[in-house]
C-alpha cells in the first residue's frame, strides 16, 4: 500500500486528565501515515486522484485544537475516524500523538500513543 506522511504537525490542545491540562493547554505533535493507492495520481499528476494533505492537516487541527479529551488515546481515535470519514480513498490511517509535557515527575522526552485503523473488510 502506498503512503502519504504528515509528520510532526504541531498544535496547542487542551487534553489531559488533570484540570490544569484542560485549562492551560499544551503542545501536541501528530504524525499521520495515510495508506492508499497513489498510482493513478502518480500517472495523472492530478490532485483529484490523490488526497489533499492541506485538508487532512485541517481535519487533524480541528480535532486537536477545538476539542477537549481526557486521554490522547481518544484524540488519536477521533483523528483516525475523522480522516477515514472525510477522505474515502484512504484505506488505512496510522496516527501517533506525542505529548512532551505530560505531567510526570521525571526526565523523559515525550509520552506517545500510536494507533492504526483500517476500513472494514480490508
PDB file of N, CA and C in Angstrom:
ATOM      1  N   UNK A   1       0.851  -1.176   0.000  1.00  0.00           N
ATOM      2  CA  UNK A   1       0.000   0.000   0.000  1.00  0.00           C
ATOM      3  C   UNK A   1       0.895   1.238   0.000  1.00  0.00           C
ATOM      4  N   UNK A   2       0.532   2.227  -0.779  1.00  0.00           N
ATOM      5  CA  UNK A   2       1.265   3.484  -0.835  1.00  0.00           C
ATOM      6  C   UNK A   2       0.927   4.319   0.398  1.00  0.00           C
ATOM      7  N   UNK A   3       1.754   5.308   0.675  1.00  0.00           N
ATOM      8  CA  UNK A   3       1.566   6.122   1.882  1.00  0.00           C
ATOM      9  C   UNK A   3       1.791   7.600   1.598  1.00  0.00           C
ATOM     10  N   UNK A   4       1.013   8.413   2.272  1.00  0.00           N
ATOM     11  CA  UNK A   4       1.269   9.847   2.402  1.00  0.00           C
ATOM     12  C   UNK A   4       1.542  10.074   3.885  1.00  0.00           C
ATOM     13  N   UNK A   5       2.662  10.732   4.196  1.00  0.00           N
ATOM     14  CA  UNK A   5       3.027  11.007   5.585  1.00  0.00           C
ATOM     15  C   UNK A   5       2.891  12.493   5.883  1.00  0.00           C
ATOM     16  N   UNK A   6       2.339  12.805   7.019  1.00  0.00           N
ATOM     17  CA  UNK A   6       2.357  14.156   7.568  1.00  0.00           C
ATOM     18  C   UNK A   6       3.032  14.012   8.930  1.00  0.00           C
ATOM     19  N   UNK A   7       4.182  14.640   9.103  1.00  0.00           N
ATOM     20  CA  UNK A   7       4.991  14.397  10.296  1.00  0.00           C
ATOM     21  C   UNK A   7       5.161  15.660  11.133  1.00  0.00           C
ATOM     22  N   UNK A   8       5.137  15.442  12.422  1.00  0.00           N
ATOM     23  CA  UNK A   8       5.389  16.496  13.410  1.00  0.00           C
ATOM     24  C   UNK A   8       4.493  17.718  13.223  1.00  0.00           C
ATOM     25  N   UNK A   9       3.215  17.459  12.955  1.00  0.00           N
ATOM     26  CA  UNK A   9       2.253  18.561  12.941  1.00  0.00           C
ATOM     27  C   UNK A   9       2.119  19.043  14.386  1.00  0.00           C
ATOM     28  N   UNK A  10       2.239  20.329  14.610  1.00  0.00           N
ATOM     29  CA  UNK A  10       2.245  20.888  15.964  1.00  0.00           C
ATOM     30  C   UNK A  10       0.964  21.672  16.229  1.00  0.00           C
ATOM     31  N   UNK A  11       0.331  21.363  17.351  1.00  0.00           N
ATOM     32  CA  UNK A  11      -0.921  22.016  17.725  1.00  0.00           C
ATOM     33  C   UNK A  11      -0.951  22.259  19.228  1.00  0.00           C
ATOM     34  N   UNK A  12      -1.602  23.320  19.624  1.00  0.00           N
ATOM     35  CA  UNK A  12      -1.848  23.563  21.052  1.00  0.00           C
ATOM     36  C   UNK A  12      -3.239  23.027  21.358  1.00  0.00           C
ATOM     37  N   UNK A  13      -3.289  22.081  22.293  1.00  0.00           N
ATOM     38  CA  UNK A  13      -4.558  21.460  22.645  1.00  0.00           C
ATOM     39  C   UNK A  13      -4.787  21.479  24.139  1.00  0.00           C
ATOM     40  N   UNK A  14      -5.998  21.109  24.524  1.00  0.00           N
ATOM     41  CA  UNK A  14      -6.420  21.125  25.934  1.00  0.00           C
ATOM     42  C   UNK A  14      -6.887  19.732  26.330  1.00  0.00           C
ATOM     43  N   UNK A  15      -5.965  18.777  26.283  1.00  0.00           N
ATOM     44  CA  UNK A  15      -6.281  17.385  26.578  1.00  0.00           C
ATOM     45  C   UNK A  15      -5.504  16.939  27.805  1.00  0.00           C
ATOM     46  N   UNK A  16      -6.145  16.143  28.635  1.00  0.00           N
ATOM     47  CA  UNK A  16      -5.478  15.594  29.807  1.00  0.00           C
ATOM     48  C   UNK A  16      -6.488  15.298  30.893  1.00  0.00           C
ATOM     49  N   UNK A  17      -6.087  14.470  31.809  1.00  0.00           N
ATOM     50  CA  UNK A  17      -6.958  14.084  32.917  1.00  0.00           C
ATOM     51  C   UNK A  17      -6.942  15.103  34.052  1.00  0.00           C
ATOM     52  N   UNK A  18      -5.936  15.948  34.061  1.00  0.00           N
ATOM     53  CA  UNK A  18      -5.820  16.930  35.140  1.00  0.00           C
ATOM     54  C   UNK A  18      -6.432  18.263  34.702  1.00  0.00           C
ATOM     55  N   UNK A  19      -7.063  18.923  35.647  1.00  0.00           N
ATOM     56  CA  UNK A  19      -7.792  20.161  35.350  1.00  0.00           C
ATOM     57  C   UNK A  19      -6.886  21.214  34.710  1.00  0.00           C
ATOM     58  N   UNK A  20      -5.661  21.366  35.205  1.00  0.00           N
ATOM     59  CA  UNK A  20      -4.775  22.393  34.649  1.00  0.00           C
ATOM     60  C   UNK A  20      -4.386  22.096  33.203  1.00  0.00           C
ATOM     61  N   UNK A  21      -4.343  20.827  32.809  1.00  0.00           N
ATOM     62  CA  UNK A  21      -4.027  20.489  31.417  1.00  0.00           C
ATOM     63  C   UNK A  21      -5.146  20.959  30.495  1.00  0.00           C
ATOM     64  N   UNK A  22      -6.367  20.724  30.920  1.00  0.00           N
ATOM     65  CA  UNK A  22      -7.512  21.143  30.097  1.00  0.00           C
ATOM     66  C   UNK A  22      -7.663  22.666  30.102  1.00  0.00           C
ATOM     67  N   UNK A  23      -7.346  23.299  31.227  1.00  0.00           N
ATOM     68  CA  UNK A  23      -7.473  24.757  31.336  1.00  0.00           C
ATOM     69  C   UNK A  23      -6.358  25.475  30.578  1.00  0.00           C
ATOM     70  N   UNK A  24      -5.098  25.092  30.829  1.00  0.00           N
ATOM     71  CA  UNK A  24      -3.957  25.839  30.300  1.00  0.00           C
ATOM     72  C   UNK A  24      -3.520  25.376  28.911  1.00  0.00           C
ATOM     73  N   UNK A  25      -3.752  24.119  28.596  1.00  0.00           N
ATOM     74  CA  UNK A  25      -3.339  23.578  27.313  1.00  0.00           C
ATOM     75  C   UNK A  25      -1.841  23.325  27.255  1.00  0.00           C
ATOM     76  N   UNK A  26      -1.424  22.660  26.178  1.00  0.00           N
ATOM     77  CA  UNK A  26      -0.019  22.360  25.941  1.00  0.00           C
ATOM     78  C   UNK A  26       0.146  21.932  24.490  1.00  0.00           C
ATOM     79  N   UNK A  27       1.381  21.765  24.073  1.00  0.00           N
ATOM     80  CA  UNK A  27       1.651  21.370  22.694  1.00  0.00           C
ATOM     81  C   UNK A  27       1.520  19.851  22.524  1.00  0.00           C
ATOM     82  N   UNK A  28       0.973  19.481  21.391  1.00  0.00           N
ATOM     83  CA  UNK A  28       0.868  18.092  20.967  1.00  0.00           C
ATOM     84  C   UNK A  28       1.435  18.013  19.561  1.00  0.00           C
ATOM     85  N   UNK A  29       2.100  16.904  19.252  1.00  0.00           N
ATOM     86  CA  UNK A  29       2.692  16.693  17.937  1.00  0.00           C
ATOM     87  C   UNK A  29       2.090  15.425  17.353  1.00  0.00           C
ATOM     88  N   UNK A  30       1.634  15.521  16.121  1.00  0.00           N
ATOM     89  CA  UNK A  30       0.909  14.419  15.492  1.00  0.00           C
ATOM     90  C   UNK A  30       1.615  13.998  14.213  1.00  0.00           C
ATOM     91  N   UNK A  31       1.789  12.691  14.075  1.00  0.00           N
ATOM     92  CA  UNK A  31       2.276  12.092  12.832  1.00  0.00           C
ATOM     93  C   UNK A  31       1.139  11.258  12.252  1.00  0.00           C
ATOM     94  N   UNK A  32       0.952  11.357  10.939  1.00  0.00           N
ATOM     95  CA  UNK A  32      -0.046  10.537  10.243  1.00  0.00           C
ATOM     96  C   UNK A  32       0.626   9.817   9.092  1.00  0.00           C
ATOM     97  N   UNK A  33       0.180   8.608   8.854  1.00  0.00           N
ATOM     98  CA  UNK A  33       0.523   7.895   7.625  1.00  0.00           C
ATOM     99  C   UNK A  33      -0.793   7.446   7.022  1.00  0.00           C
ATOM    100  N   UNK A  34      -1.072   7.905   5.825  1.00  0.00           N
ATOM    101  CA  UNK A  34      -2.304   7.556   5.116  1.00  0.00           C
ATOM    102  C   UNK A  34      -1.984   6.471   4.108  1.00  0.00           C
ATOM    103  N   UNK A  35      -2.648   5.338   4.224  1.00  0.00           N
ATOM    104  CA  UNK A  35      -2.452   4.247   3.283  1.00  0.00           C
ATOM    105  C   UNK A  35      -3.513   4.280   2.200  1.00  0.00           C
ATOM    106  N   UNK A  36      -3.077   4.396   0.956  1.00  0.00           N
ATOM    107  CA  UNK A  36      -3.998   4.449  -0.176  1.00  0.00           C
ATOM    108  C   UNK A  36      -3.225   4.140  -1.449  1.00  0.00           C
ATOM    109  N   UNK A  37      -3.947   3.930  -2.515  1.00  0.00           N
ATOM    110  CA  UNK A  37      -3.312   3.668  -3.806  1.00  0.00           C
ATOM    111  C   UNK A  37      -3.024   5.001  -4.489  1.00  0.00           C
ATOM    112  N   UNK A  38      -1.746   5.276  -4.728  1.00  0.00           N
ATOM    113  CA  UNK A  38      -1.338   6.540  -5.337  1.00  0.00           C
ATOM    114  C   UNK A  38      -0.939   6.400  -6.803  1.00  0.00           C
ATOM    115  N   UNK A  39      -1.143   5.227  -7.378  1.00  0.00           N
ATOM    116  CA  UNK A  39      -0.733   5.004  -8.769  1.00  0.00           C
ATOM    117  C   UNK A  39      -1.414   5.981  -9.729  1.00  0.00           C
ATOM    118  N   UNK A  40      -2.728   6.115  -9.617  1.00  0.00           N
ATOM    119  CA  UNK A  40      -3.456   6.996 -10.535  1.00  0.00           C
ATOM    120  C   UNK A  40      -2.946   8.435 -10.431  1.00  0.00           C
ATOM    121  N   UNK A  41      -2.738   8.924  -9.213  1.00  0.00           N
ATOM    122  CA  UNK A  41      -2.226  10.288  -9.026  1.00  0.00           C
ATOM    123  C   UNK A  41      -0.819  10.418  -9.594  1.00  0.00           C
ATOM    124  N   UNK A  42       0.001   9.381  -9.401  1.00  0.00           N
ATOM    125  CA  UNK A  42       1.360   9.412  -9.924  1.00  0.00           C
ATOM    126  C   UNK A  42       1.414   9.461 -11.438  1.00  0.00           C
ATOM    127  N   UNK A  43       0.427   8.839 -12.080  1.00  0.00           N
ATOM    128  CA  UNK A  43       0.378   8.848 -13.541  1.00  0.00           C
ATOM    129  C   UNK A  43      -0.293  10.099 -14.095  1.00  0.00           C
ATOM    130  N   UNK A  44      -1.335  10.574 -13.401  1.00  0.00           N
ATOM    131  CA  UNK A  44      -2.112  11.702 -13.933  1.00  0.00           C
ATOM    132  C   UNK A  44      -1.554  13.066 -13.529  1.00  0.00           C
ATOM    133  N   UNK A  45      -0.833  13.131 -12.414  1.00  0.00           N
ATOM    134  CA  UNK A  45      -0.346  14.402 -11.877  1.00  0.00           C
ATOM    135  C   UNK A  45      -1.503  15.327 -11.520  1.00  0.00           C
ATOM    136  N   UNK A  46      -2.621  14.742 -11.079  1.00  0.00           N
ATOM    137  CA  UNK A  46      -3.847  15.478 -10.777  1.00  0.00           C
ATOM    138  C   UNK A  46      -4.198  15.274  -9.303  1.00  0.00           C
ATOM    139  N   UNK A  47      -4.324  16.368  -8.572  1.00  0.00           N
ATOM    140  CA  UNK A  47      -4.652  16.298  -7.148  1.00  0.00           C
ATOM    141  C   UNK A  47      -5.964  15.558  -6.891  1.00  0.00           C
ATOM    142  N   UNK A  48      -6.884  15.622  -7.819  1.00  0.00           N
ATOM    143  CA  UNK A  48      -8.167  14.924  -7.652  1.00  0.00           C
ATOM    144  C   UNK A  48      -7.999  13.409  -7.575  1.00  0.00           C
ATOM    145  N   UNK A  49      -6.858  12.902  -7.990  1.00  0.00           N
ATOM    146  CA  UNK A  49      -6.595  11.468  -7.926  1.00  0.00           C
ATOM    147  C   UNK A  49      -5.815  11.073  -6.663  1.00  0.00           C
ATOM    148  N   UNK A  50      -5.647  12.024  -5.767  1.00  0.00           N
ATOM    149  CA  UNK A  50      -4.930  11.777  -4.523  1.00  0.00           C
ATOM    150  C   UNK A  50      -5.764  12.295  -3.358  1.00  0.00           C
ATOM    151  N   UNK A  51      -5.121  12.617  -2.270  1.00  0.00           N
ATOM    152  CA  UNK A  51      -5.769  13.221  -1.103  1.00  0.00           C
ATOM    153  C   UNK A  51      -5.062  14.546  -0.842  1.00  0.00           C
ATOM    154  N   UNK A  52      -5.830  15.586  -0.679  1.00  0.00           N
ATOM    155  CA  UNK A  52      -5.284  16.914  -0.431  1.00  0.00           C
ATOM    156  C   UNK A  52      -4.789  16.970   1.014  1.00  0.00           C
ATOM    157  N   UNK A  53      -3.478  16.943   1.206  1.00  0.00           N
ATOM    158  CA  UNK A  53      -2.978  16.865   2.570  1.00  0.00           C
ATOM    159  C   UNK A  53      -3.131  18.173   3.340  1.00  0.00           C
ATOM    160  N   UNK A  54      -3.386  19.287   2.660  1.00  0.00           N
ATOM    161  CA  UNK A  54      -3.729  20.519   3.381  1.00  0.00           C
ATOM    162  C   UNK A  54      -5.078  20.341   4.086  1.00  0.00           C
ATOM    163  N   UNK A  55      -6.006  19.649   3.434  1.00  0.00           N
ATOM    164  CA  UNK A  55      -7.302  19.383   4.060  1.00  0.00           C
ATOM    165  C   UNK A  55      -7.183  18.346   5.176  1.00  0.00           C
ATOM    166  N   UNK A  56      -6.280  17.393   5.017  1.00  0.00           N
ATOM    167  CA  UNK A  56      -6.029  16.422   6.086  1.00  0.00           C
ATOM    168  C   UNK A  56      -5.472  17.160   7.305  1.00  0.00           C
ATOM    169  N   UNK A  57      -4.512  18.049   7.076  1.00  0.00           N
ATOM    170  CA  UNK A  57      -3.940  18.841   8.167  1.00  0.00           C
ATOM    171  C   UNK A  57      -5.039  19.583   8.918  1.00  0.00           C
ATOM    172  N   UNK A  58      -5.931  20.220   8.182  1.00  0.00           N
ATOM    173  CA  UNK A  58      -7.019  20.983   8.810  1.00  0.00           C
ATOM    174  C   UNK A  58      -7.943  20.072   9.615  1.00  0.00           C
ATOM    175  N   UNK A  59      -8.191  18.875   9.137  1.00  0.00           N
ATOM    176  CA  UNK A  59      -9.014  17.908   9.867  1.00  0.00           C
ATOM    177  C   UNK A  59      -8.364  17.574  11.203  1.00  0.00           C
ATOM    178  N   UNK A  60      -7.068  17.317  11.191  1.00  0.00           N
ATOM    179  CA  UNK A  60      -6.340  16.999  12.415  1.00  0.00           C
ATOM    180  C   UNK A  60      -6.323  18.210  13.349  1.00  0.00           C
ATOM    181  N   UNK A  61      -6.071  19.380  12.795  1.00  0.00           N
ATOM    182  CA  UNK A  61      -6.033  20.606  13.606  1.00  0.00           C
ATOM    183  C   UNK A  61      -7.329  20.802  14.376  1.00  0.00           C
ATOM    184  N   UNK A  62      -8.454  20.608  13.709  1.00  0.00           N
ATOM    185  CA  UNK A  62      -9.751  20.798  14.369  1.00  0.00           C
ATOM    186  C   UNK A  62      -9.919  19.850  15.553  1.00  0.00           C
ATOM    187  N   UNK A  63      -9.523  18.602  15.383  1.00  0.00           N
ATOM    188  CA  UNK A  63      -9.662  17.639  16.484  1.00  0.00           C
ATOM    189  C   UNK A  63      -8.774  18.042  17.660  1.00  0.00           C
ATOM    190  N   UNK A  64      -7.515  18.372  17.377  1.00  0.00           N
ATOM    191  CA  UNK A  64      -6.578  18.654  18.468  1.00  0.00           C
ATOM    192  C   UNK A  64      -6.862  19.996  19.124  1.00  0.00           C
ATOM    193  N   UNK A  65      -7.159  21.020  18.333  1.00  0.00           N
ATOM    194  CA  UNK A  65      -7.297  22.366  18.883  1.00  0.00           C
ATOM    195  C   UNK A  65      -8.713  22.732  19.318  1.00  0.00           C
ATOM    196  N   UNK A  66      -9.727  22.126  18.739  1.00  0.00           N
ATOM    197  CA  UNK A  66     -11.091  22.556  19.017  1.00  0.00           C
ATOM    198  C   UNK A  66     -11.878  21.596  19.906  1.00  0.00           C
ATOM    199  N   UNK A  67     -11.300  20.458  20.259  1.00  0.00           N
ATOM    200  CA  UNK A  67     -11.955  19.502  21.139  1.00  0.00           C
ATOM    201  C   UNK A  67     -11.141  19.370  22.417  1.00  0.00           C
ATOM    202  N   UNK A  68     -11.757  18.797  23.436  1.00  0.00           N
ATOM    203  CA  UNK A  68     -11.075  18.519  24.696  1.00  0.00           C
ATOM    204  C   UNK A  68     -11.391  17.091  25.103  1.00  0.00           C
ATOM    205  N   UNK A  69     -10.335  16.319  25.370  1.00  0.00           N
ATOM    206  CA  UNK A  69     -10.492  14.929  25.803  1.00  0.00           C
ATOM    207  C   UNK A  69      -9.540  14.666  26.961  1.00  0.00           C
ATOM    208  N   UNK A  70      -9.878  13.700  27.780  1.00  0.00           N
ATOM    209  CA  UNK A  70      -9.004  13.310  28.883  1.00  0.00           C
ATOM    210  C   UNK A  70      -7.757  12.598  28.378  1.00  0.00           C
ATOM    211  N   UNK A  71      -7.929  11.693  27.433  1.00  0.00           N
ATOM    212  CA  UNK A  71      -6.847  10.807  27.006  1.00  0.00           C
ATOM    213  C   UNK A  71      -6.393  11.098  25.579  1.00  0.00           C
ATOM    214  N   UNK A  72      -5.080  11.033  25.362  1.00  0.00           N
ATOM    215  CA  UNK A  72      -4.601  11.180  23.986  1.00  0.00           C
ATOM    216  C   UNK A  72      -4.997   9.959  23.156  1.00  0.00           C
ATOM    217  N   UNK A  73      -5.300   8.855  23.815  1.00  0.00           N
ATOM    218  CA  UNK A  73      -5.835   7.695  23.102  1.00  0.00           C
ATOM    219  C   UNK A  73      -7.137   8.067  22.392  1.00  0.00           C
ATOM    220  N   UNK A  74      -7.986   8.840  23.068  1.00  0.00           N
ATOM    221  CA  UNK A  74      -9.255   9.295  22.487  1.00  0.00           C
ATOM    222  C   UNK A  74      -9.010  10.293  21.355  1.00  0.00           C
ATOM    223  N   UNK A  75      -8.036  11.165  21.528  1.00  0.00           N
ATOM    224  CA  UNK A  75      -7.697  12.131  20.474  1.00  0.00           C
ATOM    225  C   UNK A  75      -7.257  11.378  19.221  1.00  0.00           C
ATOM    226  N   UNK A  76      -6.396  10.381  19.393  1.00  0.00           N
ATOM    227  CA  UNK A  76      -5.917   9.591  18.251  1.00  0.00           C
ATOM    228  C   UNK A  76      -7.072   8.874  17.569  1.00  0.00           C
ATOM    229  N   UNK A  77      -7.953   8.285  18.351  1.00  0.00           N
ATOM    230  CA  UNK A  77      -9.097   7.559  17.795  1.00  0.00           C
ATOM    231  C   UNK A  77      -9.997   8.491  16.992  1.00  0.00           C
ATOM    232  N   UNK A  78     -10.222   9.701  17.506  1.00  0.00           N
ATOM    233  CA  UNK A  78     -11.088  10.647  16.801  1.00  0.00           C
ATOM    234  C   UNK A  78     -10.427  11.168  15.531  1.00  0.00           C
ATOM    235  N   UNK A  79      -9.123  11.391  15.565  1.00  0.00           N
ATOM    236  CA  UNK A  79      -8.407  11.790  14.347  1.00  0.00           C
ATOM    237  C   UNK A  79      -8.564  10.709  13.284  1.00  0.00           C
ATOM    238  N   UNK A  80      -8.337   9.462  13.664  1.00  0.00           N
ATOM    239  CA  UNK A  80      -8.446   8.361  12.701  1.00  0.00           C
ATOM    240  C   UNK A  80      -9.852   8.299  12.109  1.00  0.00           C
ATOM    241  N   UNK A  81     -10.862   8.417  12.941  1.00  0.00           N
ATOM    242  CA  UNK A  81     -12.248   8.346  12.464  1.00  0.00           C
ATOM    243  C   UNK A  81     -12.578   9.506  11.524  1.00  0.00           C
ATOM    244  N   UNK A  82     -12.138  10.704  11.870  1.00  0.00           N
ATOM    245  CA  UNK A  82     -12.425  11.871  11.032  1.00  0.00           C
ATOM    246  C   UNK A  82     -11.718  11.782   9.684  1.00  0.00           C
ATOM    247  N   UNK A  83     -10.490  11.322   9.688  1.00  0.00           N
ATOM    248  CA  UNK A  83      -9.745  11.188   8.425  1.00  0.00           C
ATOM    249  C   UNK A  83     -10.403  10.135   7.535  1.00  0.00           C
ATOM    250  N   UNK A  84     -10.767   8.995   8.113  1.00  0.00           N
ATOM    251  CA  UNK A  84     -11.410   7.936   7.313  1.00  0.00           C
ATOM    252  C   UNK A  84     -12.751   8.412   6.753  1.00  0.00           C
ATOM    253  N   UNK A  85     -13.491   9.169   7.544  1.00  0.00           N
ATOM    254  CA  UNK A  85     -14.790   9.657   7.086  1.00  0.00           C
ATOM    255  C   UNK A  85     -14.652  10.706   5.985  1.00  0.00           C
ATOM    256  N   UNK A  86     -13.707  11.606   6.133  1.00  0.00           N
ATOM    257  CA  UNK A  86     -13.580  12.737   5.203  1.00  0.00           C
ATOM    258  C   UNK A  86     -12.855  12.388   3.906  1.00  0.00           C
ATOM    259  N   UNK A  87     -12.053  11.323   3.917  1.00  0.00           N
ATOM    260  CA  UNK A  87     -11.208  11.017   2.763  1.00  0.00           C
ATOM    261  C   UNK A  87     -11.386   9.554   2.359  1.00  0.00           C
ATOM    262  N   UNK A  88     -12.422   9.261   1.555  1.00  0.00           N
ATOM    263  CA  UNK A  88     -12.731   7.877   1.182  1.00  0.00           C
ATOM    264  C   UNK A  88     -11.590   7.090   0.526  1.00  0.00           C
ATOM    265  N   UNK A  89     -10.669   7.712  -0.231  1.00  0.00           N
ATOM    266  CA  UNK A  89      -9.586   6.899  -0.806  1.00  0.00           C
ATOM    267  C   UNK A  89      -8.648   6.288   0.252  1.00  0.00           C
ATOM    268  N   UNK A  90      -8.614   6.869   1.442  1.00  0.00           N
ATOM    269  CA  UNK A  90      -7.714   6.376   2.488  1.00  0.00           C
ATOM    270  C   UNK A  90      -8.256   5.045   3.005  1.00  0.00           C
ATOM    271  N   UNK A  91      -7.447   4.011   2.896  1.00  0.00           N
ATOM    272  CA  UNK A  91      -7.830   2.672   3.340  1.00  0.00           C
ATOM    273  C   UNK A  91      -7.288   2.343   4.732  1.00  0.00           C
ATOM    274  N   UNK A  92      -6.236   3.044   5.113  1.00  0.00           N
ATOM    275  CA  UNK A  92      -5.633   2.828   6.425  1.00  0.00           C
ATOM    276  C   UNK A  92      -5.067   4.146   6.911  1.00  0.00           C
ATOM    277  N   UNK A  93      -5.145   4.387   8.200  1.00  0.00           N
ATOM    278  CA  UNK A  93      -4.526   5.569   8.785  1.00  0.00           C
ATOM    279  C   UNK A  93      -3.783   5.149  10.048  1.00  0.00           C
ATOM    280  N   UNK A  94      -2.532   5.581  10.133  1.00  0.00           N
ATOM    281  CA  UNK A  94      -1.720   5.387  11.324  1.00  0.00           C
ATOM    282  C   UNK A  94      -1.566   6.752  11.975  1.00  0.00           C
ATOM    283  N   UNK A  95      -1.889   6.829  13.256  1.00  0.00           N
ATOM    284  CA  UNK A  95      -1.842   8.092  13.995  1.00  0.00           C
ATOM    285  C   UNK A  95      -0.905   7.924  15.177  1.00  0.00           C
ATOM    286  N   UNK A  96       0.024   8.855  15.328  1.00  0.00           N
ATOM    287  CA  UNK A  96       0.839   8.906  16.541  1.00  0.00           C
ATOM    288  C   UNK A  96       0.721  10.309  17.122  1.00  0.00           C
ATOM    289  N   UNK A  97       0.385  10.373  18.403  1.00  0.00           N
ATOM    290  CA  UNK A  97       0.294  11.652  19.111  1.00  0.00           C
ATOM    291  C   UNK A  97       1.363  11.665  20.187  1.00  0.00           C
ATOM    292  N   UNK A  98       2.150  12.738  20.177  1.00  0.00           N
ATOM    293  CA  UNK A  98       3.222  12.900  21.155  1.00  0.00           C
ATOM    294  C   UNK A  98       2.876  14.052  22.097  1.00  0.00           C
ATOM    295  N   UNK A  99       3.059  13.792  23.377  1.00  0.00           N
ATOM    296  CA  UNK A  99       2.756  14.768  24.426  1.00  0.00           C
ATOM    297  C   UNK A  99       4.038  14.978  25.238  1.00  0.00           C
ATOM    298  N   UNK A 100       4.857  15.961  24.849  1.00  0.00           N
ATOM    299  CA  UNK A 100       6.151  16.128  25.514  1.00  0.00           C
ATOM    300  C   UNK A 100       6.067  16.674  26.935  1.00  0.00           C
ATOM    301  N   UNK A 101       4.964  17.304  27.288  1.00  0.00           N
ATOM    302  CA  UNK A 101       4.855  17.908  28.618  1.00  0.00           C
ATOM    303  C   UNK A 101       3.841  17.185  29.494  1.00  0.00           C
ATOM    304  N   UNK A 102       3.771  15.878  29.357  1.00  0.00           N
ATOM    305  CA  UNK A 102       2.882  15.091  30.216  1.00  0.00           C
ATOM    306  C   UNK A 102       3.282  15.309  31.678  1.00  0.00           C
ATOM    307  N   UNK A 103       2.306  15.356  32.565  1.00  0.00           N
ATOM    308  CA  UNK A 103       2.603  15.625  33.980  1.00  0.00           C
ATOM    309  C   UNK A 103       3.187  14.402  34.687  1.00  0.00           C
ATOM    310  N   UNK A 104       4.455  14.140  34.425  1.00  0.00           N
ATOM    311  CA  UNK A 104       5.178  13.022  35.022  1.00  0.00           C
ATOM    312  C   UNK A 104       6.384  13.607  35.746  1.00  0.00           C
ATOM    313  N   UNK A 105       6.574  13.211  36.976  1.00  0.00           N
ATOM    314  CA  UNK A 105       7.727  13.676  37.742  1.00  0.00           C
ATOM    315  C   UNK A 105       8.931  12.834  37.337  1.00  0.00           C
ATOM    316  N   UNK A 106       9.675  13.322  36.385  1.00  0.00           N
ATOM    317  CA  UNK A 106      10.841  12.591  35.921  1.00  0.00           C
ATOM    318  C   UNK A 106      11.322  13.159  34.604  1.00  0.00           C
ATOM    319  N   UNK A 107      12.454  12.675  34.151  1.00  0.00           N
ATOM    320  CA  UNK A 107      13.062  13.151  32.923  1.00  0.00           C
ATOM    321  C   UNK A 107      12.679  12.218  31.773  1.00  0.00           C
ATOM    322  N   UNK A 108      12.021  12.754  30.763  1.00  0.00           N
ATOM    323  CA  UNK A 108      11.602  11.978  29.597  1.00  0.00           C
ATOM    324  C   UNK A 108      11.417  12.933  28.433  1.00  0.00           C
ATOM    325  N   UNK A 109      11.482  12.403  27.223  1.00  0.00           N
ATOM    326  CA  UNK A 109      11.300  13.242  26.037  1.00  0.00           C
ATOM    327  C   UNK A 109       9.834  13.497  25.757  1.00  0.00           C
ATOM    328  N   UNK A 110       9.024  12.434  25.807  1.00  0.00           N
ATOM    329  CA  UNK A 110       7.608  12.571  25.478  1.00  0.00           C
ATOM    330  C   UNK A 110       6.882  11.286  25.844  1.00  0.00           C
ATOM    331  N   UNK A 111       5.590  11.410  25.961  1.00  0.00           N
ATOM    332  CA  UNK A 111       4.691  10.259  26.014  1.00  0.00           C
ATOM    333  C   UNK A 111       4.012  10.224  24.654  1.00  0.00           C
ATOM    334  N   UNK A 112       3.843   9.048  24.091  1.00  0.00           N
ATOM    335  CA  UNK A 112       3.220   8.946  22.770  1.00  0.00           C
ATOM    336  C   UNK A 112       2.256   7.775  22.731  1.00  0.00           C
ATOM    337  N   UNK A 113       1.217   7.940  21.944  1.00  0.00           N
ATOM    338  CA  UNK A 113       0.247   6.885  21.661  1.00  0.00           C
ATOM    339  C   UNK A 113       0.219   6.707  20.147  1.00  0.00           C
ATOM    340  N   UNK A 114       0.237   5.467  19.681  1.00  0.00           N
ATOM    341  CA  UNK A 114       0.160   5.189  18.246  1.00  0.00           C
ATOM    342  C   UNK A 114      -0.924   4.174  18.003  1.00  0.00           C
ATOM    343  N   UNK A 115      -1.782   4.461  17.008  1.00  0.00           N
ATOM    344  CA  UNK A 115      -2.845   3.533  16.618  1.00  0.00           C
ATOM    345  C   UNK A 115      -2.834   3.375  15.105  1.00  0.00           C
ATOM    346  N   UNK A 116      -3.411   2.296  14.649  1.00  0.00           N
ATOM    347  CA  UNK A 116      -3.567   2.036  13.215  1.00  0.00           C
ATOM    348  C   UNK A 116      -4.990   1.556  12.995  1.00  0.00           C
ATOM    349  N   UNK A 117      -5.686   2.170  12.039  1.00  0.00           N
ATOM    350  CA  UNK A 117      -7.060   1.790  11.741  1.00  0.00           C
ATOM    351  C   UNK A 117      -7.204   1.562  10.248  1.00  0.00           C
ATOM    352  N   UNK A 118      -7.989   0.527   9.897  1.00  0.00           N
ATOM    353  CA  UNK A 118      -8.251   0.195   8.500  1.00  0.00           C
ATOM    354  C   UNK A 118      -9.759   0.214   8.261  1.00  0.00           C
ATOM    355  N   UNK A 119     -10.117   0.427   7.014  1.00  0.00           N
ATOM    356  CA  UNK A 119     -11.530   0.345   6.660  1.00  0.00           C
ATOM    357  C   UNK A 119     -12.023  -1.091   6.878  1.00  0.00           C
ATOM    358  N   UNK A 120     -13.261  -1.246   7.227  1.00  0.00           N
ATOM    359  CA  UNK A 120     -13.854  -2.586   7.413  1.00  0.00           C
ATOM    360  C   UNK A 120     -13.764  -3.378   6.132  1.00  0.00           C
ATOM    361  N   UNK A 121     -13.483  -4.662   6.277  1.00  0.00           N
ATOM    362  CA  UNK A 121     -13.419  -5.545   5.109  1.00  0.00           C
ATOM    363  C   UNK A 121     -12.083  -5.507   4.395  1.00  0.00           C
ATOM    364  N   UNK A 122     -11.129  -4.752   4.917  1.00  0.00           N
ATOM    365  CA  UNK A 122      -9.811  -4.648   4.277  1.00  0.00           C
ATOM    366  C   UNK A 122      -8.780  -5.366   5.103  1.00  0.00           C
TER     367      UNK A 122
END
